[in-house]
Amino acid sequence: MPHQLDRRSFLQATGSLLGALGLAPGSLWSADKDSSEGMKLGLVTYNWGKDWDIPTIISNCEQTKFSGIELRSTHKHGVEISLSPLQRTEVRKQFDGSAVELVGLGSACEYHSPDSTVLKNNIEETKAFVRLCRDVGGTGVKVRPNGLPSDIPVPKTLEQIGRALNEVAQDAADFGVEIRLEVHGRGTSELPHIKTITDHADHPNAVVCWNCNPTDLQGDGLAANFALVSDRIGTVHIHDLRTDAYPWQQLFGLLKQARFSGWTLLEEGKVPDDIVGTMAENRKVWDAFMH
């Protein structure tokens, strides 16, 4: 696939590929989205599902009307790159027979290290997650920037992250899998830096996973920071919507204005006593924001 590819042609080509494979296109971003009515609610298994196996994940999501799941690596469900072909098929069958979509896999792959061997290993691990994601029926792999080395010029690190992101995005496009860059890490979570990274990663298969961080409110504020990457947002990680720790109403307004039509995935570190009950409460709040 050429390095440069216009967005419409890429999406058409990817859609054809996914159709041939019998897969759904998922949440690929597009300038042609015409409404926010397709916005969907899902869960990330950090930390509310870290101790659940796949049948439990599916049951709890169906019960609370969470229609998708992002499986975090290293957790009890065990969807890892070490799975055999047969095990991968079994994972896919469980989701195919349910009302819950496997939105993707959450890796811890990162590209900021000045050590070339570490960088190469993270790139190769990402590619392994891409193939796993394709095999189990997911539509994307989450990666992250995770900090700025103190002894390396910031522009150099951002360019390195972007170039690595572009490489894995180009590779993943051949498998119908999206690469989702989480807004993450000390320094790298600042939206101007994310914008710079994505400027270096211009392949349309590299998208941003908005992460609802405190840094989103820095500088000129949420609306200005959102605008920096609004045309590259592929997924959104939200947190417990019952709190006022983040301007949720404003965020959902911005998503609607941007005509975002994809996954909002609940990812929360603090674990409540009643996870399923809390999910149900969040579903009600999410529904209210959608109206």
Protein backbone atom coordinates (compact mmCIF):
# COMPACT_ATOMS: atom_id res chain seq x y z
CA MET A 1 0.00 0.00 0.00
CA PRO A 2 1.49 3.41 -0.91
CA HIS A 3 2.70 5.61 1.91
CA GLN A 4 0.48 8.47 0.79
CA LEU A 5 -3.19 7.66 0.28
CA ASP A 6 -6.20 9.93 0.32
CA ARG A 7 -8.71 9.19 3.07
CA ARG A 8 -11.68 8.28 0.86
CA SER A 9 -9.67 5.85 -1.28
CA PHE A 10 -8.14 4.25 1.80
CA LEU A 11 -11.49 3.68 3.46
CA GLN A 12 -13.00 2.26 0.27
CA ALA A 13 -10.06 -0.10 -0.18
CA THR A 14 -10.10 -1.16 3.47
CA GLY A 15 -13.85 -1.69 3.38
CA SER A 16 -13.46 -4.00 0.40
CA LEU A 17 -10.71 -5.93 2.16
CA LEU A 18 -12.72 -6.30 5.36
CA GLY A 19 -15.74 -7.41 3.39
CA ALA A 20 -13.69 -10.10 1.71
CA LEU A 21 -12.55 -11.26 5.13
CA GLY A 22 -16.06 -11.18 6.54
CA LEU A 23 -15.17 -8.44 9.04
CA ALA A 24 -16.95 -5.24 10.04
CA PRO A 25 -15.18 -1.94 9.30
CA GLY A 26 -15.50 -0.86 12.95
CA SER A 27 -14.87 2.76 13.82
CA LEU A 28 -12.59 3.91 11.01
CA TRP A 29 -12.78 7.69 11.02
CA SER A 30 -13.95 9.46 7.91
CA ALA A 31 -14.52 13.01 6.73
CA ASP A 32 -17.79 11.74 5.26
CA LYS A 33 -19.49 10.98 8.58
CA ASP A 34 -22.86 12.69 8.52
CA SER A 35 -24.10 12.27 12.09
CA SER A 36 -23.21 11.26 15.64
CA GLU A 37 -26.11 8.84 15.83
CA GLY A 38 -23.74 5.91 15.39
CA MET A 39 -21.76 6.71 18.55
CA LYS A 40 -21.49 3.54 20.64
CA LEU A 41 -20.66 2.70 24.24
CA GLY A 42 -18.16 0.02 25.16
CA LEU A 43 -15.79 -0.98 27.95
CA VAL A 44 -12.02 -1.24 28.30
CA THR A 45 -10.95 -4.09 30.60
CA TYR A 46 -8.73 -1.71 32.59
CA ASN A 47 -9.58 -1.97 35.43
CA TRP A 48 -13.24 -2.91 35.57
CA GLY A 49 -12.85 -6.14 33.64
CA LYS A 50 -9.29 -7.16 34.42
CA ASP A 51 -10.41 -10.19 36.46
CA TRP A 52 -13.10 -11.43 34.06
CA ASP A 53 -12.81 -14.22 31.53
CA ILE A 54 -14.42 -13.79 28.11
CA PRO A 55 -17.82 -15.35 28.95
CA THR A 56 -18.08 -13.07 31.99
CA ILE A 57 -17.11 -10.02 29.95
CA ILE A 58 -19.76 -10.80 27.36
CA SER A 59 -22.43 -11.50 29.97
CA ASN A 60 -21.77 -8.33 31.94
CA CYS A 61 -21.66 -6.16 28.82
CA GLU A 62 -24.88 -7.62 27.47
CA GLN A 63 -26.57 -7.12 30.83
CA THR A 64 -25.59 -3.44 30.98
CA LYS A 65 -26.03 -2.70 27.26
CA PHE A 66 -22.35 -2.04 26.63
CA SER A 67 -22.09 -3.10 23.01
CA GLY A 68 -18.32 -3.37 22.62
CA ILE A 69 -15.12 -4.29 24.42
CA GLU A 70 -11.43 -3.39 24.18
CA LEU A 71 -9.39 -6.18 25.73
CA ARG A 72 -6.35 -4.97 27.65
CA SER A 73 -3.29 -7.17 27.35
CA THR A 74 -1.98 -9.03 30.47
CA HIS A 75 -5.44 -9.45 32.03
CA LYS A 76 -7.33 -12.60 33.02
CA HIS A 77 -9.13 -13.08 29.70
CA GLY A 78 -5.72 -13.95 28.24
CA VAL A 79 -6.07 -12.68 24.68
CA GLU A 80 -2.35 -12.46 24.00
CA ILE A 81 -0.01 -12.80 21.04
CA SER A 82 1.04 -16.21 22.39
CA LEU A 83 -2.36 -17.75 21.52
CA SER A 84 -2.37 -20.62 19.04
CA PRO A 85 -4.45 -20.45 15.84
CA LEU A 86 -7.08 -22.70 17.42
CA GLN A 87 -7.27 -20.53 20.55
CA ARG A 88 -7.65 -17.42 18.40
CA THR A 89 -10.52 -19.04 16.55
CA GLU A 90 -12.21 -19.91 19.83
CA VAL A 91 -11.97 -16.29 21.03
CA ARG A 92 -13.52 -15.08 17.81
CA LYS A 93 -16.36 -17.58 18.00
CA GLN A 94 -17.33 -16.37 21.48
CA PHE A 95 -17.79 -12.81 20.29
CA ASP A 96 -19.39 -13.81 16.99
CA GLY A 97 -22.10 -15.60 18.97
CA SER A 98 -22.85 -12.61 21.21
CA ALA A 99 -24.27 -9.10 21.12
CA VAL A 100 -20.86 -7.69 22.10
CA GLU A 101 -18.38 -6.53 19.46
CA LEU A 102 -14.67 -6.99 19.98
CA VAL A 103 -13.63 -3.41 19.30
CA GLY A 104 -9.95 -4.13 19.61
CA LEU A 105 -6.92 -4.95 21.71
CA GLY A 106 -5.14 -2.67 24.16
CA SER A 107 -1.40 -3.17 23.94
CA ALA A 108 1.33 -1.40 25.89
CA CYS A 109 3.49 -0.91 22.79
CA GLU A 110 5.34 2.42 22.75
CA TYR A 111 7.90 4.09 20.52
CA HIS A 112 9.71 6.79 22.51
CA SER A 113 12.82 4.88 23.62
CA PRO A 114 16.15 6.20 22.24
CA ASP A 115 17.41 2.58 22.31
CA SER A 116 16.99 1.33 18.75
CA THR A 117 16.62 -2.30 19.86
CA VAL A 118 13.81 -1.42 22.30
CA LEU A 119 12.11 0.62 19.60
CA LYS A 120 12.36 -2.20 17.05
CA ASN A 121 11.01 -4.73 19.55
CA ASN A 122 7.98 -2.53 20.25
CA ILE A 123 7.30 -2.13 16.54
CA GLU A 124 7.51 -5.89 15.98
CA GLU A 125 5.30 -6.57 19.00
CA THR A 126 2.71 -4.16 17.61
CA LYS A 127 2.71 -6.08 14.34
CA ALA A 128 2.15 -9.29 16.28
CA PHE A 129 -0.84 -7.69 18.04
CA VAL A 130 -2.18 -6.62 14.64
CA ARG A 131 -2.22 -10.21 13.43
CA LEU A 132 -3.79 -11.38 16.69
CA CYS A 133 -6.45 -8.68 16.36
CA ARG A 134 -7.27 -9.79 12.81
CA ASP A 135 -7.48 -13.42 13.91
CA VAL A 136 -9.83 -12.80 16.86
CA GLY A 137 -12.09 -10.45 14.89
CA GLY A 138 -11.10 -7.08 16.34
CA THR A 139 -10.83 -3.85 14.37
CA GLY A 140 -7.93 -2.05 16.01
CA VAL A 141 -4.89 -2.11 18.26
CA LYS A 142 -4.28 0.60 20.85
CA VAL A 143 -0.69 1.79 21.24
CA ARG A 144 0.68 4.71 23.23
CA PRO A 145 3.36 7.31 23.56
CA ASN A 146 4.70 7.03 27.10
CA GLY A 147 6.96 9.95 27.88
CA LEU A 148 9.75 12.18 26.64
CA PRO A 149 13.33 11.06 27.40
CA SER A 150 15.03 13.91 29.26
CA ASP A 151 18.28 13.71 27.28
CA ILE A 152 16.70 13.74 23.83
CA PRO A 153 15.32 16.87 22.07
CA VAL A 154 11.52 16.78 22.19
CA PRO A 155 11.03 17.30 18.43
CA LYS A 156 13.30 14.32 17.72
CA THR A 157 11.32 12.04 20.04
CA LEU A 158 7.99 13.15 18.60
CA GLU A 159 9.23 12.52 15.07
CA GLN A 160 10.51 9.07 16.06
CA ILE A 161 7.15 8.16 17.59
CA GLY A 162 5.34 9.41 14.51
CA ARG A 163 7.55 7.51 12.09
CA ALA A 164 7.15 4.29 14.06
CA LEU A 165 3.39 4.85 14.23
CA ASN A 166 3.31 5.31 10.48
CA GLU A 167 5.21 2.06 9.94
CA VAL A 168 2.84 -0.02 12.05
CA ALA A 169 -0.22 1.73 10.60
CA GLN A 170 0.87 0.90 7.07
CA ASP A 171 1.50 -2.72 8.05
CA ALA A 172 -1.84 -3.00 9.87
CA ALA A 173 -3.79 -1.61 6.93
CA ASP A 174 -3.01 -4.79 5.02
CA PHE A 175 -4.88 -6.74 7.71
CA GLY A 176 -7.87 -4.40 8.05
CA VAL A 177 -6.74 -3.36 11.53
CA GLU A 178 -6.63 0.23 12.75
CA ILE A 179 -3.76 1.61 14.88
CA ARG A 180 -5.09 3.81 17.70
CA LEU A 181 -2.63 6.15 19.40
CA GLU A 182 -3.80 6.76 22.96
CA VAL A 183 -3.24 10.29 24.28
CA HIS A 184 -0.93 9.13 27.05
CA GLY A 185 2.32 9.68 28.93
CA ARG A 186 4.17 12.41 30.78
CA GLY A 187 4.62 15.24 28.31
CA THR A 188 3.38 13.20 25.35
CA SER A 189 -0.22 13.49 26.57
CA GLU A 190 -0.16 17.21 25.76
CA LEU A 191 -2.33 17.64 22.67
CA PRO A 192 0.11 19.87 20.75
CA HIS A 193 2.62 17.01 21.01
CA ILE A 194 0.02 14.48 19.87
CA LYS A 195 -0.70 16.76 16.91
CA THR A 196 3.00 16.79 16.02
CA ILE A 197 3.19 13.01 16.27
CA THR A 198 0.21 12.56 13.96
CA ASP A 199 1.65 15.09 11.51
CA HIS A 200 4.61 12.74 11.17
CA ALA A 201 2.24 9.73 11.02
CA ASP A 202 0.18 10.77 8.02
CA HIS A 203 -1.03 7.31 7.03
CA PRO A 204 -4.84 7.33 7.32
CA ASN A 205 -4.80 4.06 9.27
CA ALA A 206 -3.15 5.83 12.22
CA VAL A 207 -5.81 7.46 14.39
CA VAL A 208 -6.01 9.05 17.82
CA CYS A 209 -7.61 7.52 20.89
CA TRP A 210 -8.84 10.55 22.88
CA ASN A 211 -8.21 9.72 26.54
CA CYS A 212 -9.97 12.40 28.65
CA ASN A 213 -6.86 13.53 30.52
CA PRO A 214 -6.43 16.62 32.74
CA THR A 215 -3.91 17.87 30.16
CA ASP A 216 -6.79 18.23 27.67
CA LEU A 217 -7.77 21.37 29.58
CA GLN A 218 -4.35 23.03 29.47
CA GLY A 219 -3.33 25.93 27.26
CA ASP A 220 -6.27 27.35 25.33
CA GLY A 221 -8.64 24.78 26.82
CA LEU A 222 -10.60 21.71 25.80
CA ALA A 223 -12.20 23.01 22.60
CA ALA A 224 -8.88 24.27 21.20
CA ASN A 225 -7.01 21.09 22.08
CA PHE A 226 -9.80 18.93 20.69
CA ALA A 227 -9.65 20.86 17.42
CA LEU A 228 -5.96 20.00 17.02
CA VAL A 229 -6.76 16.33 16.43
CA SER A 230 -10.52 16.21 15.81
CA ASP A 231 -10.08 14.96 12.25
CA ARG A 232 -7.91 12.06 13.46
CA ILE A 233 -9.98 10.76 16.39
CA GLY A 234 -10.84 7.09 15.88
CA THR A 235 -11.90 6.06 19.39
CA VAL A 236 -12.52 7.79 22.72
CA HIS A 237 -11.64 6.54 26.18
CA ILE A 238 -14.06 8.01 28.69
CA HIS A 239 -14.05 7.54 32.47
CA ASP A 240 -16.74 7.28 35.13
CA LEU A 241 -19.40 9.63 33.78
CA ARG A 242 -21.03 10.02 37.18
CA THR A 243 -18.19 12.27 38.35
CA ASP A 244 -17.50 15.90 37.51
CA ALA A 245 -13.76 15.32 37.19
CA TYR A 246 -13.96 16.11 33.46
CA PRO A 247 -16.28 18.39 31.44
CA TRP A 248 -18.31 15.54 29.99
CA GLN A 249 -21.13 17.67 28.62
CA GLN A 250 -18.66 19.81 26.69
CA LEU A 251 -16.81 16.77 25.37
CA PHE A 252 -19.95 15.11 24.06
CA GLY A 253 -20.94 18.40 22.47
CA LEU A 254 -17.58 18.57 20.70
CA LEU A 255 -17.90 14.97 19.53
CA LYS A 256 -21.33 15.70 18.09
CA GLN A 257 -20.08 18.89 16.40
CA ALA A 258 -17.24 16.88 14.87
CA ARG A 259 -19.84 14.32 13.74
CA PHE A 260 -17.88 11.59 15.48
CA SER A 261 -19.49 8.22 14.88
CA GLY A 262 -17.51 5.60 16.70
CA TRP A 263 -16.71 4.00 20.02
CA THR A 264 -16.66 5.73 23.37
CA LEU A 265 -15.02 3.16 25.63
CA LEU A 266 -15.21 3.39 29.41
CA GLU A 267 -11.77 2.98 30.99
CA GLU A 268 -11.52 3.65 34.72
CA GLY A 269 -8.75 2.91 37.20
CA LYS A 270 -10.77 3.08 40.42
CA VAL A 271 -12.72 -0.16 40.83
CA PRO A 272 -16.18 0.13 42.46
CA ASP A 273 -17.61 -2.53 44.75
CA ASP A 274 -20.36 -3.27 42.23
CA ILE A 275 -18.80 -3.03 38.78
CA VAL A 276 -21.86 -4.24 36.87
CA GLY A 277 -24.18 -1.89 38.75
CA THR A 278 -21.81 1.01 38.09
CA MET A 279 -21.69 0.12 34.41
CA ALA A 280 -25.49 0.24 34.30
CA GLU A 281 -25.47 3.67 35.95
CA ASN A 282 -22.90 4.92 33.45
CA ARG A 283 -25.06 3.63 30.61
CA LYS A 284 -27.91 5.84 31.82
CA VAL A 285 -25.67 8.90 32.03
CA TRP A 286 -24.23 8.16 28.58
CA ASP A 287 -27.75 7.88 27.14
CA ALA A 288 -28.61 11.25 28.65
CA PHE A 289 -25.56 12.87 27.02
CA MET A 290 -26.62 11.44 23.67
CA HIS A 291 -29.99 13.24 23.73
